[in-house]
Amino acid sequence: MKNPTLVRRYTEGLVGALADETEFRRVVGEVESFAALVARRDDLRGALRNPFLGAASKAAIAREILERTEADAKTVRFILLLIEHGRLGILQEIAAAAPAAWNERRGVATLEVSSVVPLTDGQKARLEEAAERIEGRRVSLGYRIDPGIIGGLALRKGNVVYDVSVEGDLARLKEKITEGQ
């Protein structure tokens, strides 16, 4: 992450301006679409990153694109704010962080589950129940496959990792051996 503090601040600002789930889905979807367009189009990315092009010109380019897509006014204001402050480079990271920030605002903990194979619906339900007991509140689990995990799984919430994998057990065993226990 380029600058986690900036990403967090802008993400929290965006999420704080949204009234409900419907508005969240629309605005964040539009932010994601704009970020994907910029990433996909070399000419657009070049223009928006060109140091010789002023913020007003960059804003005009972005405004024209957003008006053509009939973007929500909050989406337009947010993207123009990023351009004005020279922060458009963190747009993709903001879009990626928005769901967790939205969940946190609603009192829901977001955890990422890594496993070597896809989990069954029953396993997901049991895992969600266990995570809710650990967190003491509702949780939202995101799943990803990680071929590096030997067996078991790992849950990550921000910088906290609950590692119940064979790989994690082996790492803890190695640590104990090197400490002389």
C-alpha atoms as a PDB file:
ATOM      1  CA  MET A   1       0.000   0.000   0.000  1.00  0.00           C
ATOM      2  CA  LYS A   2       1.402   3.368  -1.010  1.00  0.00           C
ATOM      3  CA  ASN A   3       0.306   5.342   2.039  1.00  0.00           C
ATOM      4  CA  PRO A   4      -2.041   3.462   4.375  1.00  0.00           C
ATOM      5  CA  THR A   5      -2.830   6.549   6.461  1.00  0.00           C
ATOM      6  CA  LEU A   6      -4.000   8.531   3.425  1.00  0.00           C
ATOM      7  CA  VAL A   7      -5.946   5.572   2.066  1.00  0.00           C
ATOM      8  CA  ARG A   8      -7.677   5.106   5.424  1.00  0.00           C
ATOM      9  CA  ARG A   9      -8.517   8.818   5.775  1.00  0.00           C
ATOM     10  CA  TYR A  10      -9.958   9.178   2.288  1.00  0.00           C
ATOM     11  CA  THR A  11     -11.808   5.859   2.582  1.00  0.00           C
ATOM     12  CA  GLU A  12     -13.348   6.876   5.898  1.00  0.00           C
ATOM     13  CA  GLY A  13     -14.303  10.240   4.404  1.00  0.00           C
ATOM     14  CA  LEU A  14     -16.003   8.579   1.456  1.00  0.00           C
ATOM     15  CA  VAL A  15     -17.830   6.026   3.595  1.00  0.00           C
ATOM     16  CA  GLY A  16     -18.828   8.681   6.125  1.00  0.00           C
ATOM     17  CA  ALA A  17     -20.576  10.661   3.387  1.00  0.00           C
ATOM     18  CA  LEU A  18     -22.799   7.744   2.377  1.00  0.00           C
ATOM     19  CA  ALA A  19     -26.252   7.384   3.853  1.00  0.00           C
ATOM     20  CA  ASP A  20     -27.243   3.763   3.285  1.00  0.00           C
ATOM     21  CA  GLU A  21     -26.373   0.435   1.670  1.00  0.00           C
ATOM     22  CA  THR A  22     -27.910   1.399  -1.665  1.00  0.00           C
ATOM     23  CA  GLU A  23     -25.883   4.592  -1.895  1.00  0.00           C
ATOM     24  CA  PHE A  24     -22.764   2.735  -0.744  1.00  0.00           C
ATOM     25  CA  ARG A  25     -23.112   0.129  -3.484  1.00  0.00           C
ATOM     26  CA  ARG A  26     -23.742   2.724  -6.168  1.00  0.00           C
ATOM     27  CA  VAL A  27     -20.973   5.167  -5.253  1.00  0.00           C
ATOM     28  CA  VAL A  28     -18.318   2.559  -4.476  1.00  0.00           C
ATOM     29  CA  GLY A  29     -19.262   0.698  -7.663  1.00  0.00           C
ATOM     30  CA  GLU A  30     -18.763   3.897  -9.644  1.00  0.00           C
ATOM     31  CA  VAL A  31     -15.441   4.580  -7.913  1.00  0.00           C
ATOM     32  CA  GLU A  32     -14.317   1.023  -8.746  1.00  0.00           C
ATOM     33  CA  SER A  33     -15.419   1.442 -12.364  1.00  0.00           C
ATOM     34  CA  PHE A  34     -13.568   4.732 -12.735  1.00  0.00           C
ATOM     35  CA  ALA A  35     -10.432   3.244 -11.144  1.00  0.00           C
ATOM     36  CA  ALA A  36     -10.638   0.253 -13.508  1.00  0.00           C
ATOM     37  CA  LEU A  37     -11.060   2.564 -16.500  1.00  0.00           C
ATOM     38  CA  VAL A  38      -7.996   4.583 -15.519  1.00  0.00           C
ATOM     39  CA  ALA A  39      -5.995   1.375 -14.997  1.00  0.00           C
ATOM     40  CA  ARG A  40      -7.133  -0.030 -18.342  1.00  0.00           C
ATOM     41  CA  ARG A  41      -6.627   3.052 -20.519  1.00  0.00           C
ATOM     42  CA  ASP A  42      -2.989   4.122 -20.911  1.00  0.00           C
ATOM     43  CA  ASP A  43      -3.976   7.411 -22.554  1.00  0.00           C
ATOM     44  CA  LEU A  44      -6.348   8.363 -19.726  1.00  0.00           C
ATOM     45  CA  ARG A  45      -3.914   7.286 -17.025  1.00  0.00           C
ATOM     46  CA  GLY A  46      -1.151   9.261 -18.740  1.00  0.00           C
ATOM     47  CA  ALA A  47      -3.284  12.397 -18.932  1.00  0.00           C
ATOM     48  CA  LEU A  48      -4.404  12.190 -15.304  1.00  0.00           C
ATOM     49  CA  ARG A  49      -0.837  11.632 -14.103  1.00  0.00           C
ATOM     50  CA  ASN A  50       0.799  14.184 -16.394  1.00  0.00           C
ATOM     51  CA  PRO A  51       2.622  16.691 -14.145  1.00  0.00           C
ATOM     52  CA  PHE A  52       2.405  19.363 -16.867  1.00  0.00           C
ATOM     53  CA  LEU A  53      -1.392  19.184 -16.976  1.00  0.00           C
ATOM     54  CA  GLY A  54      -3.046  21.270 -14.256  1.00  0.00           C
ATOM     55  CA  ALA A  55      -5.572  19.985 -11.762  1.00  0.00           C
ATOM     56  CA  ALA A  56      -8.364  21.948 -13.485  1.00  0.00           C
ATOM     57  CA  SER A  57      -7.666  20.217 -16.819  1.00  0.00           C
ATOM     58  CA  LYS A  58      -7.500  16.809 -15.149  1.00  0.00           C
ATOM     59  CA  ALA A  59     -10.763  17.551 -13.339  1.00  0.00           C
ATOM     60  CA  ALA A  60     -12.417  18.520 -16.618  1.00  0.00           C
ATOM     61  CA  ILE A  61     -11.379  15.189 -18.172  1.00  0.00           C
ATOM     62  CA  ALA A  62     -12.676  13.225 -15.194  1.00  0.00           C
ATOM     63  CA  ARG A  63     -15.887  15.265 -14.983  1.00  0.00           C
ATOM     64  CA  GLU A  64     -16.661  14.604 -18.669  1.00  0.00           C
ATOM     65  CA  ILE A  65     -16.181  10.848 -18.213  1.00  0.00           C
ATOM     66  CA  LEU A  66     -18.246  10.767 -15.028  1.00  0.00           C
ATOM     67  CA  GLU A  67     -21.065  12.826 -16.571  1.00  0.00           C
ATOM     68  CA  ARG A  68     -21.233  10.446 -19.541  1.00  0.00           C
ATOM     69  CA  THR A  69     -21.648   7.529 -17.143  1.00  0.00           C
ATOM     70  CA  GLU A  70     -24.253   9.486 -15.146  1.00  0.00           C
ATOM     71  CA  ALA A  71     -22.235   9.024 -11.972  1.00  0.00           C
ATOM     72  CA  ASP A  72     -23.711  10.016  -8.634  1.00  0.00           C
ATOM     73  CA  ALA A  73     -22.849  13.539  -7.462  1.00  0.00           C
ATOM     74  CA  LYS A  74     -20.943  12.128  -4.476  1.00  0.00           C
ATOM     75  CA  THR A  75     -18.806  10.002  -6.793  1.00  0.00           C
ATOM     76  CA  VAL A  76     -17.986  13.033  -8.917  1.00  0.00           C
ATOM     77  CA  ARG A  77     -17.132  15.201  -5.900  1.00  0.00           C
ATOM     78  CA  PHE A  78     -14.937  12.484  -4.395  1.00  0.00           C
ATOM     79  CA  ILE A  79     -12.933  11.837  -7.554  1.00  0.00           C
ATOM     80  CA  LEU A  80     -12.531  15.567  -8.200  1.00  0.00           C
ATOM     81  CA  LEU A  81     -11.324  15.984  -4.602  1.00  0.00           C
ATOM     82  CA  LEU A  82      -8.676  13.317  -5.167  1.00  0.00           C
ATOM     83  CA  ILE A  83      -7.567  15.042  -8.367  1.00  0.00           C
ATOM     84  CA  GLU A  84      -7.458  18.445  -6.671  1.00  0.00           C
ATOM     85  CA  HIS A  85      -5.216  17.067  -3.925  1.00  0.00           C
ATOM     86  CA  GLY A  86      -3.054  14.974  -6.257  1.00  0.00           C
ATOM     87  CA  ARG A  87      -4.270  11.711  -4.705  1.00  0.00           C
ATOM     88  CA  LEU A  88      -5.828   9.934  -7.690  1.00  0.00           C
ATOM     89  CA  GLY A  89      -3.005   7.387  -7.484  1.00  0.00           C
ATOM     90  CA  ILE A  90      -4.597   5.809  -4.398  1.00  0.00           C
ATOM     91  CA  LEU A  91      -8.091   5.466  -5.916  1.00  0.00           C
ATOM     92  CA  GLN A  92      -7.870   1.691  -6.428  1.00  0.00           C
ATOM     93  CA  GLU A  93      -6.706   1.183  -2.852  1.00  0.00           C
ATOM     94  CA  ILE A  94      -9.574   3.335  -1.561  1.00  0.00           C
ATOM     95  CA  ALA A  95     -12.064   1.293  -3.588  1.00  0.00           C
ATOM     96  CA  ALA A  96     -10.579  -1.937  -2.192  1.00  0.00           C
ATOM     97  CA  ALA A  97     -10.698  -0.647   1.404  1.00  0.00           C
ATOM     98  CA  ALA A  98     -14.234   0.757   1.203  1.00  0.00           C
ATOM     99  CA  PRO A  99     -16.193  -2.449   1.983  1.00  0.00           C
ATOM    100  CA  ALA A 100     -14.254  -3.067   5.215  1.00  0.00           C
ATOM    101  CA  ALA A 101     -14.688   0.588   6.243  1.00  0.00           C
ATOM    102  CA  TRP A 102     -18.418   0.398   5.481  1.00  0.00           C
ATOM    103  CA  ASN A 103     -18.730  -2.766   7.566  1.00  0.00           C
ATOM    104  CA  GLU A 104     -16.794  -1.194  10.428  1.00  0.00           C
ATOM    105  CA  ARG A 105     -19.108   1.829  10.352  1.00  0.00           C
ATOM    106  CA  ARG A 106     -22.068  -0.540  10.709  1.00  0.00           C
ATOM    107  CA  GLY A 107     -20.377  -2.442  13.554  1.00  0.00           C
ATOM    108  CA  VAL A 108     -19.478  -5.480  11.454  1.00  0.00           C
ATOM    109  CA  ALA A 109     -15.939  -6.895  11.590  1.00  0.00           C
ATOM    110  CA  THR A 110     -14.387  -7.824   8.225  1.00  0.00           C
ATOM    111  CA  LEU A 111     -12.084 -10.833   8.094  1.00  0.00           C
ATOM    112  CA  GLU A 112     -10.262 -12.422   5.185  1.00  0.00           C
ATOM    113  CA  VAL A 113     -10.187 -16.223   5.202  1.00  0.00           C
ATOM    114  CA  SER A 114      -7.361 -17.973   3.354  1.00  0.00           C
ATOM    115  CA  SER A 115      -7.552 -21.698   2.677  1.00  0.00           C
ATOM    116  CA  VAL A 116      -5.896 -24.109   0.289  1.00  0.00           C
ATOM    117  CA  VAL A 117      -9.250 -25.378  -1.034  1.00  0.00           C
ATOM    118  CA  PRO A 118     -12.696 -23.767  -1.296  1.00  0.00           C
ATOM    119  CA  LEU A 119     -14.763 -24.174   1.872  1.00  0.00           C
ATOM    120  CA  THR A 120     -18.187 -25.801   1.828  1.00  0.00           C
ATOM    121  CA  ASP A 121     -21.268 -23.837   2.851  1.00  0.00           C
ATOM    122  CA  GLY A 122     -21.370 -25.778   6.135  1.00  0.00           C
ATOM    123  CA  GLN A 123     -17.727 -24.962   6.871  1.00  0.00           C
ATOM    124  CA  LYS A 124     -18.345 -21.300   6.070  1.00  0.00           C
ATOM    125  CA  ALA A 125     -21.337 -21.194   8.426  1.00  0.00           C
ATOM    126  CA  ARG A 126     -19.367 -22.791  11.301  1.00  0.00           C
ATOM    127  CA  LEU A 127     -16.437 -20.476  10.652  1.00  0.00           C
ATOM    128  CA  GLU A 128     -18.714 -17.433  10.694  1.00  0.00           C
ATOM    129  CA  GLU A 129     -20.219 -18.537  14.022  1.00  0.00           C
ATOM    130  CA  ALA A 130     -16.751 -19.034  15.533  1.00  0.00           C
ATOM    131  CA  ALA A 131     -15.518 -15.684  14.206  1.00  0.00           C
ATOM    132  CA  GLU A 132     -18.567 -13.922  15.661  1.00  0.00           C
ATOM    133  CA  ARG A 133     -17.839 -15.500  19.065  1.00  0.00           C
ATOM    134  CA  ILE A 134     -14.191 -14.374  18.874  1.00  0.00           C
ATOM    135  CA  GLU A 135     -15.068 -10.851  17.721  1.00  0.00           C
ATOM    136  CA  GLY A 136     -18.144 -10.453  19.920  1.00  0.00           C
ATOM    137  CA  ARG A 137     -20.103  -8.953  17.021  1.00  0.00           C
ATOM    138  CA  ARG A 138     -21.333  -9.701  13.508  1.00  0.00           C
ATOM    139  CA  VAL A 139     -18.673 -10.505  10.929  1.00  0.00           C
ATOM    140  CA  SER A 140     -18.295 -10.368   7.168  1.00  0.00           C
ATOM    141  CA  LEU A 141     -15.959 -13.010   5.793  1.00  0.00           C
ATOM    142  CA  GLY A 142     -14.132 -12.744   2.482  1.00  0.00           C
ATOM    143  CA  TYR A 143     -12.646 -15.929   1.075  1.00  0.00           C
ATOM    144  CA  ARG A 144      -9.550 -16.523  -1.011  1.00  0.00           C
ATOM    145  CA  ILE A 145      -7.568 -19.551  -2.050  1.00  0.00           C
ATOM    146  CA  ASP A 146      -3.915 -19.584  -0.970  1.00  0.00           C
ATOM    147  CA  PRO A 147      -1.920 -22.515  -2.355  1.00  0.00           C
ATOM    148  CA  GLY A 148       0.866 -21.656   0.111  1.00  0.00           C
ATOM    149  CA  ILE A 149      -1.192 -22.946   3.023  1.00  0.00           C
ATOM    150  CA  ILE A 150      -0.341 -26.588   3.699  1.00  0.00           C
ATOM    151  CA  GLY A 151      -3.591 -27.399   5.514  1.00  0.00           C
ATOM    152  CA  GLY A 152      -6.151 -25.619   7.661  1.00  0.00           C
ATOM    153  CA  LEU A 153      -6.784 -21.917   7.218  1.00  0.00           C
ATOM    154  CA  ALA A 154      -5.836 -18.425   8.296  1.00  0.00           C
ATOM    155  CA  LEU A 155      -8.109 -15.515   9.193  1.00  0.00           C
ATOM    156  CA  ARG A 156      -6.864 -11.945   8.895  1.00  0.00           C
ATOM    157  CA  LYS A 157      -8.445  -8.832  10.353  1.00  0.00           C
ATOM    158  CA  GLY A 158      -6.246  -5.877   9.543  1.00  0.00           C
ATOM    159  CA  ASN A 159      -2.876  -6.709  11.049  1.00  0.00           C
ATOM    160  CA  VAL A 160      -4.187  -9.494  13.297  1.00  0.00           C
ATOM    161  CA  VAL A 161      -3.882 -13.050  11.967  1.00  0.00           C
ATOM    162  CA  TYR A 162      -5.573 -16.106  13.466  1.00  0.00           C
ATOM    163  CA  ASP A 163      -3.463 -18.881  11.931  1.00  0.00           C
ATOM    164  CA  VAL A 164      -4.853 -22.386  12.356  1.00  0.00           C
ATOM    165  CA  SER A 165      -2.950 -23.874   9.452  1.00  0.00           C
ATOM    166  CA  VAL A 166      -0.368 -26.657   9.463  1.00  0.00           C
ATOM    167  CA  GLU A 167       2.086 -24.106   8.094  1.00  0.00           C
ATOM    168  CA  GLY A 168       1.383 -21.847  11.088  1.00  0.00           C
ATOM    169  CA  ASP A 169       1.822 -24.744  13.515  1.00  0.00           C
ATOM    170  CA  LEU A 170       5.172 -25.577  11.914  1.00  0.00           C
ATOM    171  CA  ALA A 171       6.297 -21.948  12.115  1.00  0.00           C
ATOM    172  CA  ARG A 172       5.393 -21.804  15.826  1.00  0.00           C
ATOM    173  CA  LEU A 173       7.234 -25.082  16.427  1.00  0.00           C
ATOM    174  CA  LYS A 174      10.317 -23.745  14.623  1.00  0.00           C
ATOM    175  CA  GLU A 175      10.183 -20.584  16.740  1.00  0.00           C
ATOM    176  CA  LYS A 176      10.048 -22.638  19.960  1.00  0.00           C
ATOM    177  CA  ILE A 177      12.967 -24.806  18.836  1.00  0.00           C
ATOM    178  CA  THR A 178      15.124 -21.797  17.970  1.00  0.00           C
ATOM    179  CA  GLU A 179      14.321 -20.240  21.358  1.00  0.00           C
ATOM    180  CA  GLY A 180      15.559 -23.436  23.034  1.00  0.00           C
ATOM    181  CA  GLN A 181      12.294 -24.590  24.572  1.00  0.00           C
END
